Amino acid sequence: MAIFSFNIAAFAKDPDRIKLLTWQASDQHPILILPKFESETNQEAISRYFTKVAVDVDLASYAPDKTYLNDVKESDWKFFELGELKDNAVLIAANQRKNHDINDPKLGEVLDILRQSQKTAVVIPVGATGSLDRASQIAFHKKLARNFNDLILLGGADLSPVTYKRASTYAKFYNLYRDELEIQLVKDFYKYGSGKILGICRGAQLLAVSFGETLYQDIGKIIGPSVEHQTLSDSNPSFHKVRLLSSPNSMFSKLLGLSESNGISPMVWNSYHHQAVKLKPNSIFEPVAVSEDGVVEAFVSKDSRIIGVQAHFERPDPDGRGRIFFSNFLSQKPVLAPCINALSAAAD
């Protein structure tokens, strides 16, 4: 297909002329968002993306490949004006190939929640900015940050320990280049906008690392096996008790639908992670939930714009708090407080 024959090297890049291209290949595909230069046609912007991820060894196994457009006619493609989606659109950052498929459980469960909240998912594909120089990446991220109120980071595999300045001991299945592109997205979205960022499992770890925190590379080997954190089968998930550190009137408690009247007793959350966030004593994040072995299960930035949760709240849980959390998160208005100094510095 001609879409994979674009000559990236011959294309003149101008960061001042970046636009947002919102595109859906068919009703069986999620809506994707890509950077588009003013001098490009829609088809050329799409071709540039697929050409880059097809030849880049660091992205080829994570991004959609040429089979993504199998049985799809170009005449079926849909393009959206941002104004058609903006008020109800939520950005989702993909981190693996299956996240570009509406049948992927990780993406599909989030899509179901968004539909119930009358929201539209717009997916940033893996490597969306891989063909751009840094100035053009910033220009693209600025437009995302100024046009979307929410960014959701999905669960997935480990982060490269290089991203938090550690040698690899127990980390596995990571990709440094992909991780670095995601970290740039997180920092820029925070720095140039006023919207909220929610990280789920790996997404929470990505948020922490993006702002200078580190990770325990394996909970069982470093902290100990007293609490089962890692689910080995999606059909038989692990659950464990979680103690909330936040007060009944805190933002995080309210997101969970808790108040002084219904109390904040230990809760039971699902658990799919073998790594965990390690917050510094002077962290710009506040831990708001911990498991019985002291592992941080949720944290919030001091300006409330960033929330990380290790549990997969999009999946069923014993008391339904996860779905309540998602519903409340999506109904919140964007936090308009200015960047606090520590977070602003970390985003640079």
C-alpha atoms as a PDB file:
ATOM      1  CA  MET A   1       0.000   0.000   0.000  1.00  0.00           C
ATOM      2  CA  ALA A   2       1.373   3.426  -0.950  1.00  0.00           C
ATOM      3  CA  ILE A   3       0.920   4.657   2.593  1.00  0.00           C
ATOM      4  CA  PHE A   4       4.203   2.994   3.595  1.00  0.00           C
ATOM      5  CA  SER A   5       6.412   4.670   0.994  1.00  0.00           C
ATOM      6  CA  PHE A   6       6.769   8.187   2.422  1.00  0.00           C
ATOM      7  CA  ASN A   7      10.251   9.756   2.279  1.00  0.00           C
ATOM      8  CA  ILE A   8      10.778  11.194   5.767  1.00  0.00           C
ATOM      9  CA  ALA A   9      14.237  12.602   5.024  1.00  0.00           C
ATOM     10  CA  ALA A  10      12.902  14.752   2.198  1.00  0.00           C
ATOM     11  CA  PHE A  11      10.227  16.374   4.351  1.00  0.00           C
ATOM     12  CA  ALA A  12      10.847  19.919   5.605  1.00  0.00           C
ATOM     13  CA  LYS A  13       9.901  20.219   9.279  1.00  0.00           C
ATOM     14  CA  ASP A  14       8.474  23.470  10.628  1.00  0.00           C
ATOM     15  CA  PRO A  15       7.324  23.279  14.283  1.00  0.00           C
ATOM     16  CA  ASP A  16       5.336  26.511  13.936  1.00  0.00           C
ATOM     17  CA  ARG A  17       3.041  24.808  11.441  1.00  0.00           C
ATOM     18  CA  ILE A  18       2.089  21.688  13.424  1.00  0.00           C
ATOM     19  CA  LYS A  19      -1.591  20.764  13.448  1.00  0.00           C
ATOM     20  CA  LEU A  20      -3.563  17.973  15.121  1.00  0.00           C
ATOM     21  CA  LEU A  21      -4.819  15.259  12.786  1.00  0.00           C
ATOM     22  CA  THR A  22      -7.675  13.237  14.277  1.00  0.00           C
ATOM     23  CA  TRP A  23      -8.271  10.129  12.208  1.00  0.00           C
ATOM     24  CA  GLN A  24     -10.227   6.869  12.336  1.00  0.00           C
ATOM     25  CA  ALA A  25      -9.451   4.118   9.812  1.00  0.00           C
ATOM     26  CA  SER A  26     -12.843   2.438  10.308  1.00  0.00           C
ATOM     27  CA  ASP A  27     -15.535   1.897  12.920  1.00  0.00           C
ATOM     28  CA  GLN A  28     -13.496  -1.094  14.124  1.00  0.00           C
ATOM     29  CA  HIS A  29     -10.515   1.142  14.934  1.00  0.00           C
ATOM     30  CA  PRO A  30     -10.091   3.697  17.730  1.00  0.00           C
ATOM     31  CA  ILE A  31      -9.728   7.366  16.848  1.00  0.00           C
ATOM     32  CA  LEU A  32      -6.019   8.224  16.604  1.00  0.00           C
ATOM     33  CA  ILE A  33      -4.369  11.620  16.828  1.00  0.00           C
ATOM     34  CA  LEU A  34      -1.176  12.436  14.937  1.00  0.00           C
ATOM     35  CA  PRO A  35       0.974  15.507  14.241  1.00  0.00           C
ATOM     36  CA  LYS A  36       0.386  17.018  10.809  1.00  0.00           C
ATOM     37  CA  PHE A  37       2.407  19.763   9.196  1.00  0.00           C
ATOM     38  CA  GLU A  38       0.508  22.533   7.453  1.00  0.00           C
ATOM     39  CA  SER A  39       2.062  21.635   4.095  1.00  0.00           C
ATOM     40  CA  GLU A  40       1.072  17.955   4.368  1.00  0.00           C
ATOM     41  CA  THR A  41      -2.121  16.314   3.238  1.00  0.00           C
ATOM     42  CA  ASN A  42      -3.875  14.073   5.761  1.00  0.00           C
ATOM     43  CA  GLN A  43      -2.703  11.013   3.840  1.00  0.00           C
ATOM     44  CA  GLU A  44       0.915  12.234   3.871  1.00  0.00           C
ATOM     45  CA  ALA A  45       0.867  12.736   7.649  1.00  0.00           C
ATOM     46  CA  ILE A  46      -0.496   9.215   8.157  1.00  0.00           C
ATOM     47  CA  SER A  47       2.062   7.823   5.709  1.00  0.00           C
ATOM     48  CA  ARG A  48       4.902   9.601   7.538  1.00  0.00           C
ATOM     49  CA  TYR A  49       3.847   7.962  10.803  1.00  0.00           C
ATOM     50  CA  PHE A  50       3.526   4.430   9.437  1.00  0.00           C
ATOM     51  CA  THR A  51       6.793   4.743   7.511  1.00  0.00           C
ATOM     52  CA  LYS A  52       8.662   5.789  10.649  1.00  0.00           C
ATOM     53  CA  VAL A  53       7.348   3.050  12.938  1.00  0.00           C
ATOM     54  CA  ALA A  54       7.802   0.375  10.269  1.00  0.00           C
ATOM     55  CA  VAL A  55      11.551   1.001   9.920  1.00  0.00           C
ATOM     56  CA  ASP A  56      12.414   2.012  13.497  1.00  0.00           C
ATOM     57  CA  VAL A  57      13.605  -1.073  15.389  1.00  0.00           C
ATOM     58  CA  ASP A  58      12.713   0.532  18.720  1.00  0.00           C
ATOM     59  CA  LEU A  59       9.099   1.167  17.700  1.00  0.00           C
ATOM     60  CA  ALA A  60       8.255  -1.546  15.181  1.00  0.00           C
ATOM     61  CA  SER A  61       7.080  -4.127  17.740  1.00  0.00           C
ATOM     62  CA  TYR A  62       5.005  -1.620  19.754  1.00  0.00           C
ATOM     63  CA  ALA A  63       3.299   0.501  17.103  1.00  0.00           C
ATOM     64  CA  PRO A  64       0.643  -0.660  14.630  1.00  0.00           C
ATOM     65  CA  ASP A  65       2.149  -2.487  11.646  1.00  0.00           C
ATOM     66  CA  LYS A  66       0.952  -2.670   8.038  1.00  0.00           C
ATOM     67  CA  THR A  67      -1.758  -5.181   8.975  1.00  0.00           C
ATOM     68  CA  TYR A  68      -3.505  -2.354  10.874  1.00  0.00           C
ATOM     69  CA  LEU A  69      -5.081  -1.246   7.615  1.00  0.00           C
ATOM     70  CA  ASN A  70      -5.904  -4.686   6.254  1.00  0.00           C
ATOM     71  CA  ASP A  71      -9.390  -4.828   4.751  1.00  0.00           C
ATOM     72  CA  VAL A  72      -9.746  -1.065   5.203  1.00  0.00           C
ATOM     73  CA  LYS A  73     -10.534   1.146   2.238  1.00  0.00           C
ATOM     74  CA  GLU A  74      -9.131   4.645   2.230  1.00  0.00           C
ATOM     75  CA  SER A  75     -12.594   5.824   1.255  1.00  0.00           C
ATOM     76  CA  ASP A  76     -13.805   4.593   4.665  1.00  0.00           C
ATOM     77  CA  TRP A  77     -11.370   6.782   6.604  1.00  0.00           C
ATOM     78  CA  LYS A  78     -12.918   9.440   8.822  1.00  0.00           C
ATOM     79  CA  PHE A  79     -11.308  12.727   9.761  1.00  0.00           C
ATOM     80  CA  PHE A  80     -12.640  14.872  12.595  1.00  0.00           C
ATOM     81  CA  GLU A  81     -12.393  18.551  13.276  1.00  0.00           C
ATOM     82  CA  LEU A  82     -11.117  18.968  16.810  1.00  0.00           C
ATOM     83  CA  GLY A  83     -14.139  21.059  17.719  1.00  0.00           C
ATOM     84  CA  GLU A  84     -16.362  18.042  17.043  1.00  0.00           C
ATOM     85  CA  LEU A  85     -14.611  16.077  19.811  1.00  0.00           C
ATOM     86  CA  LYS A  86     -12.933  18.568  22.103  1.00  0.00           C
ATOM     87  CA  ASP A  87     -15.474  19.038  24.893  1.00  0.00           C
ATOM     88  CA  ASN A  88     -15.981  15.310  25.427  1.00  0.00           C
ATOM     89  CA  ALA A  89     -12.666  13.918  24.234  1.00  0.00           C
ATOM     90  CA  VAL A  90     -10.159  12.179  26.505  1.00  0.00           C
ATOM     91  CA  LEU A  91      -6.584  11.497  25.411  1.00  0.00           C
ATOM     92  CA  ILE A  92      -5.231   7.981  25.941  1.00  0.00           C
ATOM     93  CA  ALA A  93      -1.537   7.221  25.415  1.00  0.00           C
ATOM     94  CA  ALA A  94      -0.924   3.787  23.904  1.00  0.00           C
ATOM     95  CA  ASN A  95       2.248   1.959  24.993  1.00  0.00           C
ATOM     96  CA  GLN A  96       1.983  -1.359  23.143  1.00  0.00           C
ATOM     97  CA  ARG A  97       0.654  -2.581  19.804  1.00  0.00           C
ATOM     98  CA  LYS A  98      -2.592  -4.046  21.092  1.00  0.00           C
ATOM     99  CA  ASN A  99      -3.571  -0.675  22.609  1.00  0.00           C
ATOM    100  CA  HIS A 100      -4.474   0.409  19.065  1.00  0.00           C
ATOM    101  CA  ASP A 101      -7.179  -2.265  18.866  1.00  0.00           C
ATOM    102  CA  ILE A 102     -10.640  -1.600  20.313  1.00  0.00           C
ATOM    103  CA  ASN A 103     -10.741  -5.290  21.315  1.00  0.00           C
ATOM    104  CA  ASP A 104      -7.674  -4.975  23.523  1.00  0.00           C
ATOM    105  CA  PRO A 105      -8.850  -5.587  27.137  1.00  0.00           C
ATOM    106  CA  LYS A 106      -6.707  -2.747  28.567  1.00  0.00           C
ATOM    107  CA  LEU A 107      -8.051  -0.246  26.050  1.00  0.00           C
ATOM    108  CA  GLY A 108     -11.519  -1.768  25.684  1.00  0.00           C
ATOM    109  CA  GLU A 109     -12.358  -1.559  29.390  1.00  0.00           C
ATOM    110  CA  VAL A 110     -11.359   2.102  29.466  1.00  0.00           C
ATOM    111  CA  LEU A 111     -13.381   2.743  26.291  1.00  0.00           C
ATOM    112  CA  ASP A 112     -16.456   1.215  27.955  1.00  0.00           C
ATOM    113  CA  ILE A 113     -16.109   3.544  30.937  1.00  0.00           C
ATOM    114  CA  LEU A 114     -15.641   6.553  28.679  1.00  0.00           C
ATOM    115  CA  ARG A 115     -18.762   5.671  26.689  1.00  0.00           C
ATOM    116  CA  GLN A 116     -20.762   5.361  29.920  1.00  0.00           C
ATOM    117  CA  SER A 117     -19.549   8.856  30.843  1.00  0.00           C
ATOM    118  CA  GLN A 118     -20.407  10.117  27.332  1.00  0.00           C
ATOM    119  CA  LYS A 119     -16.747  10.712  26.544  1.00  0.00           C
ATOM    120  CA  THR A 120     -14.845   9.999  23.331  1.00  0.00           C
ATOM    121  CA  ALA A 121     -11.439   8.314  23.456  1.00  0.00           C
ATOM    122  CA  VAL A 122      -8.667   9.728  21.274  1.00  0.00           C
ATOM    123  CA  VAL A 123      -5.557   7.532  21.238  1.00  0.00           C
ATOM    124  CA  ILE A 124      -2.018   8.841  20.813  1.00  0.00           C
ATOM    125  CA  PRO A 125      -0.321   5.923  19.043  1.00  0.00           C
ATOM    126  CA  VAL A 126       3.076   4.601  20.064  1.00  0.00           C
ATOM    127  CA  GLY A 127       5.783   6.620  18.330  1.00  0.00           C
ATOM    128  CA  ALA A 128       3.451   9.403  17.203  1.00  0.00           C
ATOM    129  CA  THR A 129       6.302  11.913  17.518  1.00  0.00           C
ATOM    130  CA  GLY A 130       9.094   9.560  16.485  1.00  0.00           C
ATOM    131  CA  SER A 131       9.656  11.305  13.140  1.00  0.00           C
ATOM    132  CA  LEU A 132       9.766  14.798  14.697  1.00  0.00           C
ATOM    133  CA  ASP A 133      12.646  16.833  16.061  1.00  0.00           C
ATOM    134  CA  ARG A 134      12.307  18.072  19.645  1.00  0.00           C
ATOM    135  CA  ALA A 135      10.952  21.498  18.659  1.00  0.00           C
ATOM    136  CA  SER A 136       8.185  19.858  16.615  1.00  0.00           C
ATOM    137  CA  GLN A 137       7.450  17.403  19.426  1.00  0.00           C
ATOM    138  CA  ILE A 138       6.945  20.301  21.827  1.00  0.00           C
ATOM    139  CA  ALA A 139       4.695  22.083  19.323  1.00  0.00           C
ATOM    140  CA  PHE A 140       2.538  18.946  18.981  1.00  0.00           C
ATOM    141  CA  HIS A 141       2.382  18.371  22.737  1.00  0.00           C
ATOM    142  CA  LYS A 142       1.479  22.026  23.343  1.00  0.00           C
ATOM    143  CA  LYS A 143      -1.532  21.684  21.078  1.00  0.00           C
ATOM    144  CA  LEU A 144      -2.581  18.499  22.852  1.00  0.00           C
ATOM    145  CA  ALA A 145      -2.195  20.128  26.263  1.00  0.00           C
ATOM    146  CA  ARG A 146      -4.216  23.194  25.260  1.00  0.00           C
ATOM    147  CA  ASN A 147      -7.023  21.272  23.580  1.00  0.00           C
ATOM    148  CA  PHE A 148      -7.653  18.346  25.949  1.00  0.00           C
ATOM    149  CA  ASN A 149      -8.638  18.316  29.604  1.00  0.00           C
ATOM    150  CA  ASP A 150      -7.608  14.746  30.439  1.00  0.00           C
ATOM    151  CA  LEU A 151      -4.745  12.383  29.615  1.00  0.00           C
ATOM    152  CA  ILE A 152      -4.887   8.712  30.652  1.00  0.00           C
ATOM    153  CA  LEU A 153      -1.780   6.505  30.717  1.00  0.00           C
ATOM    154  CA  LEU A 154      -2.573   2.796  30.418  1.00  0.00           C
ATOM    155  CA  GLY A 155      -1.001  -0.194  32.124  1.00  0.00           C
ATOM    156  CA  GLY A 156       1.687  -2.233  30.405  1.00  0.00           C
ATOM    157  CA  ALA A 157       5.238  -3.565  30.723  1.00  0.00           C
ATOM    158  CA  ASP A 158       8.125  -2.209  32.790  1.00  0.00           C
ATOM    159  CA  LEU A 159       9.921   1.090  32.261  1.00  0.00           C
ATOM    160  CA  SER A 160      13.601   1.097  31.380  1.00  0.00           C
ATOM    161  CA  PRO A 161      15.617   1.645  34.600  1.00  0.00           C
ATOM    162  CA  VAL A 162      17.706   4.155  32.640  1.00  0.00           C
ATOM    163  CA  THR A 163      14.725   6.533  32.871  1.00  0.00           C
ATOM    164  CA  TYR A 164      15.192   6.689  36.644  1.00  0.00           C
ATOM    165  CA  LYS A 165      19.001   6.431  36.586  1.00  0.00           C
ATOM    166  CA  ARG A 166      19.326   2.861  37.838  1.00  0.00           C
ATOM    167  CA  ALA A 167      20.939  -0.305  36.541  1.00  0.00           C
ATOM    168  CA  SER A 168      18.585  -3.085  35.509  1.00  0.00           C
ATOM    169  CA  THR A 169      18.241  -5.768  38.174  1.00  0.00           C
ATOM    170  CA  TYR A 170      14.708  -7.150  37.934  1.00  0.00           C
ATOM    171  CA  ALA A 171      13.092  -4.992  35.215  1.00  0.00           C
ATOM    172  CA  LYS A 172      11.965  -6.781  32.050  1.00  0.00           C
ATOM    173  CA  PHE A 173      10.300  -6.192  28.663  1.00  0.00           C
ATOM    174  CA  TYR A 174      11.181  -2.502  28.519  1.00  0.00           C
ATOM    175  CA  ASN A 175      12.093  -0.171  25.657  1.00  0.00           C
ATOM    176  CA  LEU A 176      14.032   2.990  26.433  1.00  0.00           C
ATOM    177  CA  TYR A 177      13.143   4.969  23.293  1.00  0.00           C
ATOM    178  CA  ARG A 178       9.418   4.389  23.677  1.00  0.00           C
ATOM    179  CA  ASP A 179       9.644   5.293  27.376  1.00  0.00           C
ATOM    180  CA  GLU A 180      11.504   8.519  26.598  1.00  0.00           C
ATOM    181  CA  LEU A 181       8.855   9.593  24.070  1.00  0.00           C
ATOM    182  CA  GLU A 182       6.139   8.986  26.681  1.00  0.00           C
ATOM    183  CA  ILE A 183       8.024  10.916  29.357  1.00  0.00           C
ATOM    184  CA  GLN A 184       8.328  13.875  26.996  1.00  0.00           C
ATOM    185  CA  LEU A 185       4.556  13.717  26.398  1.00  0.00           C
ATOM    186  CA  VAL A 186       3.803  13.657  30.137  1.00  0.00           C
ATOM    187  CA  LYS A 187       6.108  16.552  30.968  1.00  0.00           C
ATOM    188  CA  ASP A 188       4.891  18.702  28.095  1.00  0.00           C
ATOM    189  CA  PHE A 189       1.207  17.983  28.715  1.00  0.00           C
ATOM    190  CA  TYR A 190       1.648  19.090  32.311  1.00  0.00           C
ATOM    191  CA  LYS A 191       3.839  22.096  31.550  1.00  0.00           C
ATOM    192  CA  TYR A 192       1.846  23.616  28.696  1.00  0.00           C
ATOM    193  CA  GLY A 193      -1.728  22.910  29.779  1.00  0.00           C
ATOM    194  CA  SER A 194      -4.026  22.865  32.790  1.00  0.00           C
ATOM    195  CA  GLY A 195      -5.586  19.421  32.382  1.00  0.00           C
ATOM    196  CA  LYS A 196      -5.437  16.337  34.585  1.00  0.00           C
ATOM    197  CA  ILE A 197      -3.268  13.246  34.091  1.00  0.00           C
ATOM    198  CA  LEU A 198      -4.273   9.805  35.363  1.00  0.00           C
ATOM    199  CA  GLY A 199      -1.756   6.959  35.367  1.00  0.00           C
ATOM    200  CA  ILE A 200      -2.934   3.359  35.748  1.00  0.00           C
ATOM    201  CA  CYS A 201      -0.408   0.754  36.995  1.00  0.00           C
ATOM    202  CA  ARG A 202       2.516   1.235  34.557  1.00  0.00           C
ATOM    203  CA  GLY A 203       1.031   4.670  33.863  1.00  0.00           C
ATOM    204  CA  ALA A 204       1.387   5.581  37.542  1.00  0.00           C
ATOM    205  CA  GLN A 205       5.021   4.478  37.470  1.00  0.00           C
ATOM    206  CA  LEU A 206       5.557   6.514  34.299  1.00  0.00           C
ATOM    207  CA  LEU A 207       4.168   9.613  36.045  1.00  0.00           C
ATOM    208  CA  ALA A 208       6.448   9.130  39.044  1.00  0.00           C
ATOM    209  CA  VAL A 209       9.560   8.618  36.920  1.00  0.00           C
ATOM    210  CA  SER A 210       8.698  11.594  34.697  1.00  0.00           C
ATOM    211  CA  PHE A 211       8.968  13.865  37.731  1.00  0.00           C
ATOM    212  CA  GLY A 212      12.130  12.467  39.288  1.00  0.00           C
ATOM    213  CA  GLU A 213      10.993   9.499  41.381  1.00  0.00           C
ATOM    214  CA  THR A 214      12.356   5.942  41.218  1.00  0.00           C
ATOM    215  CA  LEU A 215      10.863   2.434  41.246  1.00  0.00           C
ATOM    216  CA  TYR A 216      11.243  -0.804  43.156  1.00  0.00           C
ATOM    217  CA  GLN A 217      12.117  -3.120  40.274  1.00  0.00           C
ATOM    218  CA  ASP A 218      10.500  -6.138  41.930  1.00  0.00           C
ATOM    219  CA  ILE A 219       8.320  -5.911  45.032  1.00  0.00           C
ATOM    220  CA  GLY A 220       8.638  -9.555  46.064  1.00  0.00           C
ATOM    221  CA  LYS A 221      12.436  -9.617  45.843  1.00  0.00           C
ATOM    222  CA  ILE A 222      13.081  -6.183  47.392  1.00  0.00           C
ATOM    223  CA  ILE A 223      10.237  -5.556  49.855  1.00  0.00           C
ATOM    224  CA  GLY A 224       9.180  -9.156  50.417  1.00  0.00           C
ATOM    225  CA  PRO A 225       6.355 -11.559  49.499  1.00  0.00           C
ATOM    226  CA  SER A 226       3.970 -10.837  52.394  1.00  0.00           C
ATOM    227  CA  VAL A 227       1.421  -9.217  50.040  1.00  0.00           C
ATOM    228  CA  GLU A 228       0.642 -10.699  46.644  1.00  0.00           C
ATOM    229  CA  HIS A 229       0.926  -7.831  44.178  1.00  0.00           C
ATOM    230  CA  GLN A 230       1.348  -9.536  40.827  1.00  0.00           C
ATOM    231  CA  THR A 231      -1.508 -11.318  39.100  1.00  0.00           C
ATOM    232  CA  LEU A 232      -0.232 -14.141  36.928  1.00  0.00           C
ATOM    233  CA  SER A 233      -3.551 -14.669  35.153  1.00  0.00           C
ATOM    234  CA  ASP A 234      -6.099 -12.047  34.113  1.00  0.00           C
ATOM    235  CA  SER A 235      -8.835 -14.646  34.676  1.00  0.00           C
ATOM    236  CA  ASN A 236      -7.787 -15.030  38.318  1.00  0.00           C
ATOM    237  CA  PRO A 237      -6.746 -11.572  39.566  1.00  0.00           C
ATOM    238  CA  SER A 238      -5.070 -10.920  42.880  1.00  0.00           C
ATOM    239  CA  PHE A 239      -6.682  -8.633  45.441  1.00  0.00           C
ATOM    240  CA  HIS A 240      -5.214  -7.152  48.601  1.00  0.00           C
ATOM    241  CA  LYS A 241      -6.122  -4.672  51.309  1.00  0.00           C
ATOM    242  CA  VAL A 242      -5.281  -1.012  50.872  1.00  0.00           C
ATOM    243  CA  ARG A 243      -5.283   1.642  53.582  1.00  0.00           C
ATOM    244  CA  LEU A 244      -6.162   5.185  52.585  1.00  0.00           C
ATOM    245  CA  LEU A 245      -3.966   7.956  53.953  1.00  0.00           C
ATOM    246  CA  SER A 246      -6.187  10.734  52.654  1.00  0.00           C
ATOM    247  CA  SER A 247      -8.835  12.398  54.788  1.00  0.00           C
ATOM    248  CA  PRO A 248     -12.568  11.927  54.051  1.00  0.00           C
ATOM    249  CA  ASN A 249     -12.692  15.427  52.596  1.00  0.00           C
ATOM    250  CA  SER A 250      -9.687  15.008  50.318  1.00  0.00           C
ATOM    251  CA  MET A 251     -10.000  15.068  46.556  1.00  0.00           C
ATOM    252  CA  PHE A 252      -8.853  11.453  46.261  1.00  0.00           C
ATOM    253  CA  SER A 253     -11.417  10.192  48.784  1.00  0.00           C
ATOM    254  CA  LYS A 254     -14.168  12.059  46.984  1.00  0.00           C
ATOM    255  CA  LEU A 255     -13.119  10.510  43.678  1.00  0.00           C
ATOM    256  CA  LEU A 256     -13.648   7.123  45.307  1.00  0.00           C
ATOM    257  CA  GLY A 257     -17.098   8.225  46.459  1.00  0.00           C
ATOM    258  CA  LEU A 258     -16.094   8.209  50.125  1.00  0.00           C
ATOM    259  CA  SER A 259     -17.032  10.700  52.812  1.00  0.00           C
ATOM    260  CA  GLU A 260     -17.136  10.985  56.591  1.00  0.00           C
ATOM    261  CA  SER A 261     -20.550   9.330  56.599  1.00  0.00           C
ATOM    262  CA  ASN A 262     -19.434   6.108  54.898  1.00  0.00           C
ATOM    263  CA  GLY A 263     -15.963   6.053  56.440  1.00  0.00           C
ATOM    264  CA  ILE A 264     -12.530   5.197  55.126  1.00  0.00           C
ATOM    265  CA  SER A 265     -11.887   1.657  56.349  1.00  0.00           C
ATOM    266  CA  PRO A 266      -9.367  -0.592  54.564  1.00  0.00           C
ATOM    267  CA  MET A 267     -10.384  -1.232  50.957  1.00  0.00           C
ATOM    268  CA  VAL A 268      -9.696  -4.148  48.631  1.00  0.00           C
ATOM    269  CA  TRP A 269      -8.075  -3.373  45.274  1.00  0.00           C
ATOM    270  CA  ASN A 270      -6.979  -5.566  42.402  1.00  0.00           C
ATOM    271  CA  SER A 271      -3.243  -5.898  41.837  1.00  0.00           C
ATOM    272  CA  TYR A 272      -1.356  -6.674  38.629  1.00  0.00           C
ATOM    273  CA  HIS A 273       2.085  -5.154  39.232  1.00  0.00           C
ATOM    274  CA  HIS A 274       5.477  -6.545  40.265  1.00  0.00           C
ATOM    275  CA  GLN A 275       7.055  -3.079  40.454  1.00  0.00           C
ATOM    276  CA  ALA A 276       6.132  -0.095  42.625  1.00  0.00           C
ATOM    277  CA  VAL A 277       6.752   3.613  42.993  1.00  0.00           C
ATOM    278  CA  LYS A 278       9.420   4.697  45.480  1.00  0.00           C
ATOM    279  CA  LEU A 279       8.709   8.277  46.545  1.00  0.00           C
ATOM    280  CA  LYS A 280      11.452  10.485  47.938  1.00  0.00           C
ATOM    281  CA  PRO A 281      11.005  12.045  51.417  1.00  0.00           C
ATOM    282  CA  ASN A 282      10.635  15.469  49.807  1.00  0.00           C
ATOM    283  CA  SER A 283       8.529  14.195  46.930  1.00  0.00           C
ATOM    284  CA  ILE A 284       6.300  16.497  44.927  1.00  0.00           C
ATOM    285  CA  PHE A 285       3.693  13.728  45.229  1.00  0.00           C
ATOM    286  CA  GLU A 286       1.718  12.771  48.295  1.00  0.00           C
ATOM    287  CA  PRO A 287       0.979   9.084  48.909  1.00  0.00           C
ATOM    288  CA  VAL A 288      -2.755   8.647  49.448  1.00  0.00           C
ATOM    289  CA  ALA A 289      -3.033   4.839  49.678  1.00  0.00           C
ATOM    290  CA  VAL A 290      -0.665   2.063  50.794  1.00  0.00           C
ATOM    291  CA  SER A 291      -0.850  -1.707  51.030  1.00  0.00           C
ATOM    292  CA  GLU A 292      -0.101  -3.625  54.236  1.00  0.00           C
ATOM    293  CA  ASP A 293       3.589  -3.979  53.305  1.00  0.00           C
ATOM    294  CA  GLY A 294       3.930  -0.205  52.853  1.00  0.00           C
ATOM    295  CA  VAL A 295       3.897  -0.162  49.047  1.00  0.00           C
ATOM    296  CA  VAL A 296       2.464   3.093  47.673  1.00  0.00           C
ATOM    297  CA  GLU A 297      -0.736   2.147  45.841  1.00  0.00           C
ATOM    298  CA  ALA A 298      -1.834   5.660  44.893  1.00  0.00           C
ATOM    299  CA  PHE A 299      -0.387   9.164  44.924  1.00  0.00           C
ATOM    300  CA  VAL A 300      -1.507  12.677  44.020  1.00  0.00           C
ATOM    301  CA  SER A 301       0.493  15.750  43.056  1.00  0.00           C
ATOM    302  CA  LYS A 302       0.246  18.662  45.462  1.00  0.00           C
ATOM    303  CA  ASP A 303      -1.690  20.681  42.897  1.00  0.00           C
ATOM    304  CA  SER A 304      -4.090  17.723  42.343  1.00  0.00           C
ATOM    305  CA  ARG A 305      -3.510  17.636  38.581  1.00  0.00           C
ATOM    306  CA  ILE A 306      -1.659  14.303  38.586  1.00  0.00           C
ATOM    307  CA  ILE A 307      -3.055  11.051  39.999  1.00  0.00           C
ATOM    308  CA  GLY A 308      -1.311   7.693  39.931  1.00  0.00           C
ATOM    309  CA  VAL A 309      -3.045   4.447  40.952  1.00  0.00           C
ATOM    310  CA  GLN A 310      -1.488   0.988  40.843  1.00  0.00           C
ATOM    311  CA  ALA A 311      -4.882  -0.750  40.744  1.00  0.00           C
ATOM    312  CA  HIS A 312      -6.682  -1.218  37.452  1.00  0.00           C
ATOM    313  CA  PHE A 313      -9.808   0.730  38.376  1.00  0.00           C
ATOM    314  CA  GLU A 314     -11.236   0.092  34.915  1.00  0.00           C
ATOM    315  CA  ARG A 315     -11.616  -3.586  35.866  1.00  0.00           C
ATOM    316  CA  PRO A 316     -14.225  -5.081  38.219  1.00  0.00           C
ATOM    317  CA  ASP A 317     -13.428  -4.904  41.929  1.00  0.00           C
ATOM    318  CA  PRO A 318     -15.258  -6.211  45.028  1.00  0.00           C
ATOM    319  CA  ASP A 319     -17.014  -2.957  45.976  1.00  0.00           C
ATOM    320  CA  GLY A 320     -17.182  -1.175  42.633  1.00  0.00           C
ATOM    321  CA  ARG A 321     -15.071   1.765  43.845  1.00  0.00           C
ATOM    322  CA  GLY A 322     -12.899   1.683  40.745  1.00  0.00           C
ATOM    323  CA  ARG A 323     -15.761   2.490  38.396  1.00  0.00           C
ATOM    324  CA  ILE A 324     -16.958   5.185  40.806  1.00  0.00           C
ATOM    325  CA  PHE A 325     -13.454   6.668  40.763  1.00  0.00           C
ATOM    326  CA  PHE A 326     -13.368   6.749  36.964  1.00  0.00           C
ATOM    327  CA  SER A 327     -16.811   8.286  36.697  1.00  0.00           C
ATOM    328  CA  ASN A 328     -15.932  11.040  39.158  1.00  0.00           C
ATOM    329  CA  PHE A 329     -12.540  11.672  37.565  1.00  0.00           C
ATOM    330  CA  LEU A 330     -14.103  12.143  34.146  1.00  0.00           C
ATOM    331  CA  SER A 331     -16.840  14.440  35.441  1.00  0.00           C
ATOM    332  CA  GLN A 332     -14.415  16.806  37.167  1.00  0.00           C
ATOM    333  CA  LYS A 333     -13.712  20.142  35.609  1.00  0.00           C
ATOM    334  CA  PRO A 334     -10.052  20.713  34.666  1.00  0.00           C
ATOM    335  CA  VAL A 335      -7.907  21.961  37.533  1.00  0.00           C
ATOM    336  CA  LEU A 336      -6.943  25.519  36.689  1.00  0.00           C
ATOM    337  CA  ALA A 337      -4.335  26.055  39.415  1.00  0.00           C
ATOM    338  CA  PRO A 338      -0.974  27.197  38.064  1.00  0.00           C
ATOM    339  CA  CYS A 339       1.948  24.725  38.016  1.00  0.00           C
ATOM    340  CA  ILE A 340       3.532  24.513  41.453  1.00  0.00           C
ATOM    341  CA  ASN A 341       7.229  25.353  41.424  1.00  0.00           C
ATOM    342  CA  ALA A 342       8.626  21.870  42.091  1.00  0.00           C
ATOM    343  CA  LEU A 343       6.561  20.244  39.388  1.00  0.00           C
ATOM    344  CA  SER A 344       7.319  23.011  36.914  1.00  0.00           C
ATOM    345  CA  ALA A 345      11.025  22.534  37.482  1.00  0.00           C
ATOM    346  CA  ALA A 346      10.722  18.750  37.096  1.00  0.00           C
ATOM    347  CA  ALA A 347       8.875  19.196  33.801  1.00  0.00           C
ATOM    348  CA  ASP A 348      11.782  21.143  32.280  1.00  0.00           C
END
